Structure formats: C-alpha cells, structure tokens
C-alpha cells in the first residue's frame, strides 16, 4: 500500500522526494559523493586545519586546494583513459 502524507505534518518524518524513491536515491548518491570529496580534502589537504585570521586568505587556500584536487583528478582520469585505450589496441 502507498500512504500519501503531507510534508507539513512532520518535516522530519516525511520528506520530498520520498525516501526509497528513485529521485531520493539519485540525490543521496550525489550527496555521498560530495561528502567523500570533502572528507578526502579534509584528510589529505588539511582543510580542517586552516589557520588564517581573515576569510579572504582562507578562501584563497580553499580555492587553491580545490584547484589542485580537480587538476589531479583530471590528470588521473586522462592517464587511466589512455591506459585503457592502449590495452584495447
């Protein structure tokens, strides 16, 4: 059976989209991917240990870390694609 509940009855209990639905699973996949990246940046790039007094310098530090992370992932993906292409040939 499907019970339709208004979200306004209890926002903590009933969410939109409904838990277990296909839309919820897609949102959850994206959310977990973002959390994995955040954890990786905090652990290996010391983002949980930023020691600047001003927000500008902390923002620059964050931007540099994300730039390095994205560049390294892009390079790793390109190397992996070349390796797969060489294996196929």
PDB file of N, CA and C in Angstrom:
ATOM      1  N   UNK A   1       0.823  -1.178   0.000  1.00  0.00           N
ATOM      2  CA  UNK A   1       0.000   0.000   0.000  1.00  0.00           C
ATOM      3  C   UNK A   1       0.874   1.250   0.000  1.00  0.00           C
ATOM      4  N   UNK A   2       0.336   2.287  -0.560  1.00  0.00           N
ATOM      5  CA  UNK A   2       1.020   3.573  -0.567  1.00  0.00           C
ATOM      6  C   UNK A   2       0.197   4.546   0.255  1.00  0.00           C
ATOM      7  N   UNK A   3       0.838   5.130   1.255  1.00  0.00           N
ATOM      8  CA  UNK A   3       0.177   6.135   2.082  1.00  0.00           C
ATOM      9  C   UNK A   3       0.711   7.496   1.684  1.00  0.00           C
ATOM     10  N   UNK A   4      -0.171   8.388   1.312  1.00  0.00           N
ATOM     11  CA  UNK A   4       0.241   9.737   0.959  1.00  0.00           C
ATOM     12  C   UNK A   4       0.106  10.616   2.182  1.00  0.00           C
ATOM     13  N   UNK A   5       1.212  11.236   2.532  1.00  0.00           N
ATOM     14  CA  UNK A   5       1.231  12.112   3.697  1.00  0.00           C
ATOM     15  C   UNK A   5       1.683  13.499   3.259  1.00  0.00           C
ATOM     16  N   UNK A   6       1.109  14.505   3.878  1.00  0.00           N
ATOM     17  CA  UNK A   6       1.566  15.860   3.610  1.00  0.00           C
ATOM     18  C   UNK A   6       2.874  16.080   4.363  1.00  0.00           C
ATOM     19  N   UNK A   7       3.763  16.766   3.705  1.00  0.00           N
ATOM     20  CA  UNK A   7       5.067  17.012   4.308  1.00  0.00           C
ATOM     21  C   UNK A   7       4.917  17.903   5.537  1.00  0.00           C
ATOM     22  N   UNK A   8       3.947  18.767   5.508  1.00  0.00           N
ATOM     23  CA  UNK A   8       3.797  19.736   6.595  1.00  0.00           C
ATOM     24  C   UNK A   8       3.364  19.091   7.906  1.00  0.00           C
ATOM     25  N   UNK A   9       2.931  17.836   7.878  1.00  0.00           N
ATOM     26  CA  UNK A   9       2.533  17.192   9.133  1.00  0.00           C
ATOM     27  C   UNK A   9       3.735  17.000  10.046  1.00  0.00           C
ATOM     28  N   UNK A  10       4.850  16.520   9.490  1.00  0.00           N
ATOM     29  CA  UNK A  10       6.083  16.377  10.263  1.00  0.00           C
ATOM     30  C   UNK A  10       7.254  16.405   9.293  1.00  0.00           C
ATOM     31  N   UNK A  11       7.972  17.519   9.253  1.00  0.00           N
ATOM     32  CA  UNK A  11       9.059  17.688   8.284  1.00  0.00           C
ATOM     33  C   UNK A  11      10.205  16.716   8.510  1.00  0.00           C
ATOM     34  N   UNK A  12      10.401  16.274   9.736  1.00  0.00           N
ATOM     35  CA  UNK A  12      11.491  15.332   9.999  1.00  0.00           C
ATOM     36  C   UNK A  12      11.157  13.934   9.519  1.00  0.00           C
ATOM     37  N   UNK A  13       9.903  13.589   9.552  1.00  0.00           N
ATOM     38  CA  UNK A  13       9.487  12.233   9.219  1.00  0.00           C
ATOM     39  C   UNK A  13       9.222  12.040   7.736  1.00  0.00           C
ATOM     40  N   UNK A  14       8.594  13.024   7.107  1.00  0.00           N
ATOM     41  CA  UNK A  14       8.187  12.902   5.711  1.00  0.00           C
ATOM     42  C   UNK A  14       8.938  13.920   4.875  1.00  0.00           C
ATOM     43  N   UNK A  15       9.635  13.444   3.878  1.00  0.00           N
ATOM     44  CA  UNK A  15      10.458  14.329   3.056  1.00  0.00           C
ATOM     45  C   UNK A  15       9.985  14.298   1.613  1.00  0.00           C
ATOM     46  N   UNK A  16      10.411  15.293   0.857  1.00  0.00           N
ATOM     47  CA  UNK A  16      10.135  15.316  -0.577  1.00  0.00           C
ATOM     48  C   UNK A  16      11.472  15.360  -1.277  1.00  0.00           C
ATOM     49  N   UNK A  17      11.803  14.486  -2.130  1.00  0.00           N
ATOM     50  CA  UNK A  17      11.102  13.276  -2.560  1.00  0.00           C
ATOM     51  C   UNK A  17      11.114  12.213  -1.467  1.00  0.00           C
ATOM     52  N   UNK A  18      10.203  11.288  -1.577  1.00  0.00           N
ATOM     53  CA  UNK A  18      10.043  10.266  -0.548  1.00  0.00           C
ATOM     54  C   UNK A  18      11.273   9.371  -0.470  1.00  0.00           C
ATOM     55  N   UNK A  19      11.628   9.004   0.744  1.00  0.00           N
ATOM     56  CA  UNK A  19      12.776   8.103   0.925  1.00  0.00           C
ATOM     57  C   UNK A  19      12.477   6.763   0.275  1.00  0.00           C
ATOM     58  N   UNK A  20      13.497   6.244  -0.403  1.00  0.00           N
ATOM     59  CA  UNK A  20      13.339   4.965  -1.078  1.00  0.00           C
ATOM     60  C   UNK A  20      12.930   5.116  -2.528  1.00  0.00           C
ATOM     61  N   UNK A  21      12.543   6.306  -2.952  1.00  0.00           N
ATOM     62  CA  UNK A  21      12.156   6.509  -4.344  1.00  0.00           C
ATOM     63  C   UNK A  21      13.406   6.669  -5.199  1.00  0.00           C
ATOM     64  N   UNK A  22      13.228   6.640  -6.493  1.00  0.00           N
ATOM     65  CA  UNK A  22      14.351   6.761  -7.414  1.00  0.00           C
ATOM     66  C   UNK A  22      14.987   8.145  -7.319  1.00  0.00           C
ATOM     67  N   UNK A  23      14.166   9.174  -7.183  1.00  0.00           N
ATOM     68  CA  UNK A  23      14.700  10.537  -7.049  1.00  0.00           C
ATOM     69  C   UNK A  23      15.524  10.667  -5.771  1.00  0.00           C
ATOM     70  N   UNK A  24      15.059  10.067  -4.687  1.00  0.00           N
ATOM     71  CA  UNK A  24      15.790  10.111  -3.417  1.00  0.00           C
ATOM     72  C   UNK A  24      17.139   9.411  -3.559  1.00  0.00           C
ATOM     73  N   UNK A  25      17.170   8.277  -4.239  1.00  0.00           N
ATOM     74  CA  UNK A  25      18.428   7.545  -4.413  1.00  0.00           C
ATOM     75  C   UNK A  25      19.431   8.357  -5.223  1.00  0.00           C
ATOM     76  N   UNK A  26      18.951   9.061  -6.256  1.00  0.00           N
ATOM     77  CA  UNK A  26      19.857   9.891  -7.051  1.00  0.00           C
ATOM     78  C   UNK A  26      20.412  11.052  -6.231  1.00  0.00           C
ATOM     79  N   UNK A  27      19.559  11.685  -5.445  1.00  0.00           N
ATOM     80  CA  UNK A  27      20.016  12.777  -4.585  1.00  0.00           C
ATOM     81  C   UNK A  27      21.016  12.255  -3.559  1.00  0.00           C
ATOM     82  N   UNK A  28      20.751  11.085  -2.999  1.00  0.00           N
ATOM     83  CA  UNK A  28      21.627  10.508  -1.987  1.00  0.00           C
ATOM     84  C   UNK A  28      22.986  10.146  -2.579  1.00  0.00           C
ATOM     85  N   UNK A  29      23.007   9.653  -3.821  1.00  0.00           N
ATOM     86  CA  UNK A  29      24.279   9.341  -4.476  1.00  0.00           C
ATOM     87  C   UNK A  29      25.131  10.587  -4.641  1.00  0.00           C
ATOM     88  N   UNK A  30      24.498  11.675  -5.080  1.00  0.00           N
ATOM     89  CA  UNK A  30      25.240  12.927  -5.242  1.00  0.00           C
ATOM     90  C   UNK A  30      25.743  13.437  -3.897  1.00  0.00           C
ATOM     91  N   UNK A  31      24.900  13.348  -2.889  1.00  0.00           N
ATOM     92  CA  UNK A  31      25.274  13.840  -1.570  1.00  0.00           C
ATOM     93  C   UNK A  31      26.444  13.047  -1.009  1.00  0.00           C
ATOM     94  N   UNK A  32      26.420  11.727  -1.141  1.00  0.00           N
ATOM     95  CA  UNK A  32      27.516  10.919  -0.614  1.00  0.00           C
ATOM     96  C   UNK A  32      28.802  11.162  -1.388  1.00  0.00           C
ATOM     97  N   UNK A  33      28.699  11.419  -2.696  1.00  0.00           N
ATOM     98  CA  UNK A  33      29.893  11.716  -3.483  1.00  0.00           C
ATOM     99  C   UNK A  33      30.536  13.010  -3.002  1.00  0.00           C
ATOM    100  N   UNK A  34      29.721  14.014  -2.727  1.00  0.00           N
ATOM    101  CA  UNK A  34      30.241  15.291  -2.230  1.00  0.00           C
ATOM    102  C   UNK A  34      30.875  15.103  -0.865  1.00  0.00           C
ATOM    103  N   UNK A  35      30.253  14.315  -0.015  1.00  0.00           N
ATOM    104  CA  UNK A  35      30.807  14.086   1.323  1.00  0.00           C
ATOM    105  C   UNK A  35      32.124  13.324   1.261  1.00  0.00           C
ATOM    106  N   UNK A  36      32.256  12.397   0.312  1.00  0.00           N
ATOM    107  CA  UNK A  36      33.528  11.679   0.151  1.00  0.00           C
ATOM    108  C   UNK A  36      34.643  12.634  -0.259  1.00  0.00           C
ATOM    109  N   UNK A  37      34.336  13.538  -1.190  1.00  0.00           N
ATOM    110  CA  UNK A  37      35.338  14.513  -1.624  1.00  0.00           C
ATOM    111  C   UNK A  37      35.714  15.437  -0.470  1.00  0.00           C
ATOM    112  N   UNK A  38      34.723  15.898   0.284  1.00  0.00           N
ATOM    113  CA  UNK A  38      35.008  16.765   1.426  1.00  0.00           C
ATOM    114  C   UNK A  38      35.896  16.069   2.448  1.00  0.00           C
ATOM    115  N   UNK A  39      35.618  14.811   2.732  1.00  0.00           N
ATOM    116  CA  UNK A  39      36.434  14.061   3.680  1.00  0.00           C
ATOM    117  C   UNK A  39      37.859  13.881   3.152  1.00  0.00           C
ATOM    118  N   UNK A  40      37.984  13.628   1.861  1.00  0.00           N
ATOM    119  CA  UNK A  40      39.305  13.468   1.244  1.00  0.00           C
ATOM    120  C   UNK A  40      40.105  14.758   1.357  1.00  0.00           C
ATOM    121  N   UNK A  41      39.452  15.891   1.057  1.00  0.00           N
ATOM    122  CA  UNK A  41      40.141  17.181   1.132  1.00  0.00           C
ATOM    123  C   UNK A  41      40.533  17.518   2.566  1.00  0.00           C
ATOM    124  N   UNK A  42      39.681  17.184   3.511  1.00  0.00           N
ATOM    125  CA  UNK A  42      39.999  17.470   4.904  1.00  0.00           C
ATOM    126  C   UNK A  42      41.169  16.623   5.387  1.00  0.00           C
ATOM    127  N   UNK A  43      41.225  15.379   4.948  1.00  0.00           N
ATOM    128  CA  UNK A  43      42.266  14.485   5.446  1.00  0.00           C
ATOM    129  C   UNK A  43      43.608  14.708   4.765  1.00  0.00           C
ATOM    130  N   UNK A  44      43.608  14.823   3.447  1.00  0.00           N
ATOM    131  CA  UNK A  44      44.873  14.858   2.721  1.00  0.00           C
ATOM    132  C   UNK A  44      45.340  16.260   2.360  1.00  0.00           C
ATOM    133  N   UNK A  45      44.459  17.246   2.364  1.00  0.00           N
ATOM    134  CA  UNK A  45      44.843  18.611   2.019  1.00  0.00           C
ATOM    135  C   UNK A  45      44.704  19.564   3.196  1.00  0.00           C
ATOM    136  N   UNK A  46      44.498  19.048   4.395  1.00  0.00           N
ATOM    137  CA  UNK A  46      44.450  19.824   5.630  1.00  0.00           C
ATOM    138  C   UNK A  46      43.408  20.944   5.607  1.00  0.00           C
ATOM    139  N   UNK A  47      42.262  20.696   5.026  1.00  0.00           N
ATOM    140  CA  UNK A  47      41.222  21.718   5.024  1.00  0.00           C
ATOM    141  C   UNK A  47      40.544  21.852   6.384  1.00  0.00           C
ATOM    142  N   UNK A  48      40.699  20.882   7.239  1.00  0.00           N
ATOM    143  CA  UNK A  48      40.128  21.009   8.578  1.00  0.00           C
ATOM    144  C   UNK A  48      41.089  21.724   9.522  1.00  0.00           C
ATOM    145  N   UNK A  49      42.240  22.152   8.992  1.00  0.00           N
ATOM    146  CA  UNK A  49      43.283  22.744   9.820  1.00  0.00           C
ATOM    147  C   UNK A  49      43.754  24.075   9.239  1.00  0.00           C
ATOM    148  N   UNK A  50      42.829  24.880   8.695  1.00  0.00           N
ATOM    149  CA  UNK A  50      43.190  26.161   8.099  1.00  0.00           C
ATOM    150  C   UNK A  50      43.391  27.176   9.215  1.00  0.00           C
ATOM    151  N   UNK A  51      44.540  27.856   9.189  1.00  0.00           N
ATOM    152  CA  UNK A  51      44.880  28.775  10.286  1.00  0.00           C
ATOM    153  C   UNK A  51      45.120  30.186   9.756  1.00  0.00           C
ATOM    154  N   UNK A  52      44.082  30.785   9.249  1.00  0.00           N
ATOM    155  CA  UNK A  52      44.161  32.167   8.789  1.00  0.00           C
ATOM    156  C   UNK A  52      43.169  32.998   9.577  1.00  0.00           C
ATOM    157  N   UNK A  53      43.535  34.239   9.823  1.00  0.00           N
ATOM    158  CA  UNK A  53      42.649  35.107  10.589  1.00  0.00           C
ATOM    159  C   UNK A  53      41.546  35.683   9.712  1.00  0.00           C
ATOM    160  N   UNK A  54      41.852  35.945   8.465  1.00  0.00           N
ATOM    161  CA  UNK A  54      40.858  36.570   7.590  1.00  0.00           C
ATOM    162  C   UNK A  54      40.195  35.531   6.711  1.00  0.00           C
ATOM    163  N   UNK A  55      38.982  35.840   6.328  1.00  0.00           N
ATOM    164  CA  UNK A  55      38.248  34.932   5.455  1.00  0.00           C
ATOM    165  C   UNK A  55      38.794  34.908   4.044  1.00  0.00           C
ATOM    166  N   UNK A  56      39.409  36.023   3.614  1.00  0.00           N
ATOM    167  CA  UNK A  56      39.945  36.085   2.254  1.00  0.00           C
ATOM    168  C   UNK A  56      41.057  35.062   2.056  1.00  0.00           C
ATOM    169  N   UNK A  57      41.976  35.008   3.011  1.00  0.00           N
ATOM    170  CA  UNK A  57      43.099  34.073   2.876  1.00  0.00           C
ATOM    171  C   UNK A  57      42.624  32.631   2.984  1.00  0.00           C
ATOM    172  N   UNK A  58      41.650  32.379   3.838  1.00  0.00           N
ATOM    173  CA  UNK A  58      41.102  31.028   3.952  1.00  0.00           C
ATOM    174  C   UNK A  58      40.392  30.636   2.656  1.00  0.00           C
ATOM    175  N   UNK A  59      39.694  31.586   2.047  1.00  0.00           N
ATOM    176  CA  UNK A  59      39.005  31.316   0.770  1.00  0.00           C
ATOM    177  C   UNK A  59      40.014  31.026  -0.326  1.00  0.00           C
ATOM    178  N   UNK A  60      41.106  31.790  -0.358  1.00  0.00           N
ATOM    179  CA  UNK A  60      42.153  31.543  -1.349  1.00  0.00           C
ATOM    180  C   UNK A  60      42.766  30.162  -1.128  1.00  0.00           C
ATOM    181  N   UNK A  61      43.002  29.811   0.123  1.00  0.00           N
ATOM    182  CA  UNK A  61      43.532  28.476   0.440  1.00  0.00           C
ATOM    183  C   UNK A  61      42.578  27.391  -0.056  1.00  0.00           C
ATOM    184  N   UNK A  62      41.291  27.568   0.218  1.00  0.00           N
ATOM    185  CA  UNK A  62      40.291  26.599  -0.227  1.00  0.00           C
ATOM    186  C   UNK A  62      40.258  26.504  -1.749  1.00  0.00           C
ATOM    187  N   UNK A  63      40.300  27.652  -2.432  1.00  0.00           N
ATOM    188  CA  UNK A  63      40.278  27.651  -3.897  1.00  0.00           C
ATOM    189  C   UNK A  63      41.500  26.948  -4.474  1.00  0.00           C
ATOM    190  N   UNK A  64      42.659  27.185  -3.874  1.00  0.00           N
ATOM    191  CA  UNK A  64      43.877  26.528  -4.359  1.00  0.00           C
ATOM    192  C   UNK A  64      43.814  25.018  -4.153  1.00  0.00           C
ATOM    193  N   UNK A  65      43.310  24.605  -3.006  1.00  0.00           N
ATOM    194  CA  UNK A  65      43.206  23.172  -2.718  1.00  0.00           C
ATOM    195  C   UNK A  65      42.243  22.505  -3.695  1.00  0.00           C
ATOM    196  N   UNK A  66      41.097  23.127  -3.948  1.00  0.00           N
ATOM    197  CA  UNK A  66      40.145  22.528  -4.878  1.00  0.00           C
ATOM    198  C   UNK A  66      40.686  22.525  -6.298  1.00  0.00           C
ATOM    199  N   UNK A  67      41.460  23.553  -6.665  1.00  0.00           N
ATOM    200  CA  UNK A  67      42.073  23.583  -7.989  1.00  0.00           C
ATOM    201  C   UNK A  67      43.065  22.434  -8.150  1.00  0.00           C
ATOM    202  N   UNK A  68      43.900  22.234  -7.147  1.00  0.00           N
ATOM    203  CA  UNK A  68      44.881  21.144  -7.199  1.00  0.00           C
ATOM    204  C   UNK A  68      44.174  19.788  -7.235  1.00  0.00           C
ATOM    205  N   UNK A  69      43.138  19.640  -6.426  1.00  0.00           N
ATOM    206  CA  UNK A  69      42.401  18.376  -6.399  1.00  0.00           C
ATOM    207  C   UNK A  69      41.766  18.082  -7.754  1.00  0.00           C
ATOM    208  N   UNK A  70      41.086  19.078  -8.326  1.00  0.00           N
ATOM    209  CA  UNK A  70      40.433  18.875  -9.623  1.00  0.00           C
ATOM    210  C   UNK A  70      41.443  18.600 -10.729  1.00  0.00           C
ATOM    211  N   UNK A  71      42.576  19.292 -10.705  1.00  0.00           N
ATOM    212  CA  UNK A  71      43.607  19.061 -11.715  1.00  0.00           C
ATOM    213  C   UNK A  71      44.194  17.657 -11.590  1.00  0.00           C
ATOM    214  N   UNK A  72      44.425  17.209 -10.360  1.00  0.00           N
ATOM    215  CA  UNK A  72      44.992  15.874 -10.179  1.00  0.00           C
ATOM    216  C   UNK A  72      44.001  14.787 -10.594  1.00  0.00           C
ATOM    217  N   UNK A  73      42.719  14.994 -10.305  1.00  0.00           N
ATOM    218  CA  UNK A  73      41.718  14.005 -10.725  1.00  0.00           C
ATOM    219  C   UNK A  73      41.568  13.983 -12.237  1.00  0.00           C
ATOM    220  N   UNK A  74      41.622  15.160 -12.881  1.00  0.00           N
ATOM    221  CA  UNK A  74      41.539  15.222 -14.335  1.00  0.00           C
ATOM    222  C   UNK A  74      42.723  14.504 -14.965  1.00  0.00           C
ATOM    223  N   UNK A  75      43.915  14.742 -14.429  1.00  0.00           N
ATOM    224  CA  UNK A  75      45.112  14.082 -14.956  1.00  0.00           C
ATOM    225  C   UNK A  75      45.035  12.572 -14.758  1.00  0.00           C
ATOM    226  N   UNK A  76      44.579  12.153 -13.589  1.00  0.00           N
ATOM    227  CA  UNK A  76      44.464  10.715 -13.325  1.00  0.00           C
ATOM    228  C   UNK A  76      43.437  10.065 -14.257  1.00  0.00           C
ATOM    229  N   UNK A  77      42.332  10.741 -14.513  1.00  0.00           N
ATOM    230  CA  UNK A  77      41.318  10.195 -15.426  1.00  0.00           C
ATOM    231  C   UNK A  77      41.841  10.100 -16.855  1.00  0.00           C
ATOM    232  N   UNK A  78      42.605  11.110 -17.273  1.00  0.00           N
ATOM    233  CA  UNK A  78      43.163  11.068 -18.632  1.00  0.00           C
ATOM    234  C   UNK A  78      44.195   9.961 -18.773  1.00  0.00           C
ATOM    235  N   UNK A  79      45.040   9.782 -17.768  1.00  0.00           N
ATOM    236  CA  UNK A  79      46.034   8.705 -17.807  1.00  0.00           C
ATOM    237  C   UNK A  79      45.335   7.351 -17.822  1.00  0.00           C
ATOM    238  N   UNK A  80      44.289   7.213 -17.029  1.00  0.00           N
ATOM    239  CA  UNK A  80      43.523   5.964 -16.988  1.00  0.00           C
ATOM    240  C   UNK A  80      42.873   5.682 -18.331  1.00  0.00           C
ATOM    241  N   UNK A  81      42.328   6.709 -18.979  1.00  0.00           N
ATOM    242  CA  UNK A  81      41.698   6.531 -20.291  1.00  0.00           C
ATOM    243  C   UNK A  81      42.721   6.111 -21.336  1.00  0.00           C
ATOM    244  N   UNK A  82      43.926   6.715 -21.298  1.00  0.00           N
ATOM    245  CA  UNK A  82      44.985   6.322 -22.227  1.00  0.00           C
ATOM    246  C   UNK A  82      45.414   4.880 -21.978  1.00  0.00           C
ATOM    247  N   UNK A  83      45.504   4.497 -20.729  1.00  0.00           N
ATOM    248  CA  UNK A  83      45.909   3.129 -20.403  1.00  0.00           C
ATOM    249  C   UNK A  83      44.875   2.123 -20.909  1.00  0.00           C
ATOM    250  N   UNK A  84      43.601   2.436 -20.727  1.00  0.00           N
ATOM    251  CA  UNK A  84      42.529   1.540 -21.212  1.00  0.00           C
ATOM    252  C   UNK A  84      42.547   1.461 -22.736  1.00  0.00           C
ATOM    253  N   UNK A  85      42.816   2.594 -23.394  1.00  0.00           N
ATOM    254  CA  UNK A  85      42.868   2.617 -24.849  1.00  0.00           C
ATOM    255  C   UNK A  85      44.059   1.781 -25.344  1.00  0.00           C
ATOM    256  N   UNK A  86      45.194   1.841 -24.660  1.00  0.00           N
ATOM    257  CA  UNK A  86      46.342   1.041 -25.038  1.00  0.00           C
ATOM    258  C   UNK A  86      46.093  -0.443 -24.811  1.00  0.00           C
ATOM    259  N   UNK A  87      45.374  -0.779 -23.769  1.00  0.00           N
ATOM    260  CA  UNK A  87      45.058  -2.175 -23.503  1.00  0.00           C
ATOM    261  C   UNK A  87      44.134  -2.741 -24.575  1.00  0.00           C
ATOM    262  N   UNK A  88      43.220  -1.913 -25.082  1.00  0.00           N
ATOM    263  CA  UNK A  88      42.277  -2.376 -26.103  1.00  0.00           C
ATOM    264  C   UNK A  88      42.968  -2.567 -27.450  1.00  0.00           C
ATOM    265  N   UNK A  89      44.005  -1.772 -27.725  1.00  0.00           N
ATOM    266  CA  UNK A  89      44.693  -1.851 -29.015  1.00  0.00           C
ATOM    267  C   UNK A  89      45.662  -2.985 -29.096  1.00  0.00           C
TER     268      UNK A  89
END
